[in-house]
Amino acid sequence: MKEHLARCAEQLRRAVRYLANSSCAPREKLRGVYDTEFGSIWHDDFPDGSLKDDYLTIISSIVKTDEPKAAVNIAAMSDEQARTVILQICSLSQATAYALGRQSNSER
């Protein structure tokens, strides 16, 4: 499981870097990060608990059962909604890095 979490942490780190360096509107940032780094993360990459729950909350904002295409759902968001999802991604990145660090320290 540690290798999955390490992969998630790296992808989330790259996603946050993309979000920070992008100068476009929030919805375009969100679409770009979903199409690149964030969209390749899978819920089973996270251990059960708050990290997986946070990931599922984010993904449910982007991919909906009545419209599975992320691009359509992101386009329908307001900039404020997109900013909220972006902040959730940044928070998940930080929490994942922290959890990975805790795992590494506990193995010593």
Protein backbone atom coordinates (compact mmCIF):
# COMPACT_ATOMS: atom_id res chain seq x y z
CA MET A 1 0.00 0.00 0.00
CA LYS A 2 2.90 2.37 0.69
CA GLU A 3 3.92 2.34 -2.98
CA HIS A 4 0.39 3.33 -4.01
CA LEU A 5 0.37 6.15 -1.50
CA ALA A 6 3.80 7.30 -2.67
CA ARG A 7 2.55 7.37 -6.27
CA CYS A 8 -0.53 9.36 -5.19
CA ALA A 9 1.62 11.80 -3.23
CA GLU A 10 3.83 12.39 -6.27
CA GLN A 11 0.87 12.83 -8.64
CA LEU A 12 -0.82 15.20 -6.20
CA ARG A 13 2.42 17.17 -5.82
CA ARG A 14 2.59 17.55 -9.60
CA ALA A 15 -1.10 18.50 -9.70
CA VAL A 16 -0.58 21.25 -7.13
CA ARG A 17 2.48 22.50 -9.05
CA TYR A 18 0.35 22.62 -12.22
CA LEU A 19 -2.39 24.54 -10.39
CA ALA A 20 0.10 27.01 -8.94
CA ASN A 21 1.84 27.65 -12.26
CA SER A 22 -1.30 27.92 -14.40
CA SER A 23 -2.56 31.42 -15.03
CA CYS A 24 -5.92 30.52 -16.56
CA ALA A 25 -9.38 30.67 -14.97
CA PRO A 26 -10.20 28.24 -12.14
CA ARG A 27 -12.39 25.97 -14.30
CA GLU A 28 -9.65 25.71 -16.92
CA LYS A 29 -7.08 24.96 -14.20
CA LEU A 30 -9.32 22.23 -12.82
CA ARG A 31 -9.93 20.72 -16.23
CA GLY A 32 -6.22 20.76 -17.00
CA VAL A 33 -5.24 19.14 -13.71
CA TYR A 34 -7.93 16.48 -14.10
CA ASP A 35 -6.79 15.71 -17.65
CA THR A 36 -3.18 15.33 -16.50
CA GLU A 37 -2.26 14.26 -12.97
CA PHE A 38 -5.39 14.07 -10.87
CA GLY A 39 -7.44 12.05 -13.32
CA SER A 40 -4.99 9.16 -13.20
CA ILE A 41 -5.36 8.62 -9.44
CA TRP A 42 -7.67 5.80 -8.42
CA HIS A 43 -9.59 5.52 -5.13
CA ASP A 44 -8.02 2.16 -4.34
CA ASP A 45 -4.61 3.85 -4.31
CA PHE A 46 -5.57 5.37 -0.94
CA PRO A 47 -5.91 3.41 2.29
CA ASP A 48 -9.38 3.28 3.83
CA GLY A 49 -10.05 6.32 5.94
CA SER A 50 -9.96 10.08 5.61
CA LEU A 51 -7.63 10.24 2.59
CA LYS A 52 -9.86 7.97 0.53
CA ASP A 53 -12.96 9.82 1.76
CA ASP A 54 -11.44 13.17 0.79
CA TYR A 55 -10.49 11.81 -2.65
CA LEU A 56 -14.01 10.45 -3.19
CA THR A 57 -15.51 13.82 -2.21
CA ILE A 58 -13.34 15.58 -4.77
CA ILE A 59 -13.98 13.08 -7.54
CA SER A 60 -17.74 13.17 -6.91
CA SER A 61 -17.63 16.89 -7.66
CA ILE A 62 -15.93 16.20 -10.98
CA VAL A 63 -17.48 12.94 -12.18
CA LYS A 64 -21.19 12.45 -11.56
CA THR A 65 -23.37 9.41 -12.11
CA ASP A 66 -25.75 11.32 -14.39
CA GLU A 67 -22.82 12.81 -16.35
CA PRO A 68 -19.61 10.77 -16.18
CA LYS A 69 -17.61 13.17 -18.40
CA ALA A 70 -15.48 15.35 -16.16
CA ALA A 71 -15.11 18.07 -18.80
CA VAL A 72 -18.88 18.58 -18.94
CA ASN A 73 -19.20 18.80 -15.16
CA ILE A 74 -16.24 21.15 -14.80
CA ALA A 75 -17.62 23.42 -17.54
CA ALA A 76 -20.92 23.60 -15.64
CA MET A 77 -19.19 24.74 -12.42
CA SER A 78 -18.88 28.33 -11.35
CA ASP A 79 -15.36 29.67 -10.80
CA GLU A 80 -16.07 29.61 -7.06
CA GLN A 81 -17.02 25.92 -7.18
CA ALA A 82 -13.86 25.17 -9.18
CA ARG A 83 -11.77 27.09 -6.62
CA THR A 84 -13.29 24.99 -3.84
CA VAL A 85 -12.36 21.76 -5.62
CA ILE A 86 -8.85 23.12 -6.30
CA LEU A 87 -8.44 23.87 -2.58
CA GLN A 88 -9.62 20.34 -1.77
CA ILE A 89 -6.99 18.90 -4.13
CA CYS A 90 -4.28 21.00 -2.48
CA SER A 91 -5.43 19.89 0.97
CA LEU A 92 -5.47 16.24 -0.12
CA SER A 93 -1.95 16.62 -1.46
CA GLN A 94 -0.74 17.96 1.87
CA ALA A 95 -2.55 15.27 3.88
CA THR A 96 -1.23 12.51 1.62
CA ALA A 97 2.36 13.73 1.95
CA TYR A 98 1.92 13.88 5.73
CA ALA A 99 0.49 10.34 5.87
CA LEU A 100 3.31 9.04 3.68
CA GLY A 101 5.85 10.67 5.99
CA ARG A 102 4.18 9.09 9.01
CA GLN A 103 4.31 5.65 7.36
CA SER A 104 7.98 6.09 6.55
CA ASN A 105 8.80 7.17 10.10
CA SER A 106 6.88 4.27 11.65
CA GLU A 107 8.86 1.75 9.60
CA ARG A 108 12.15 2.85 11.11
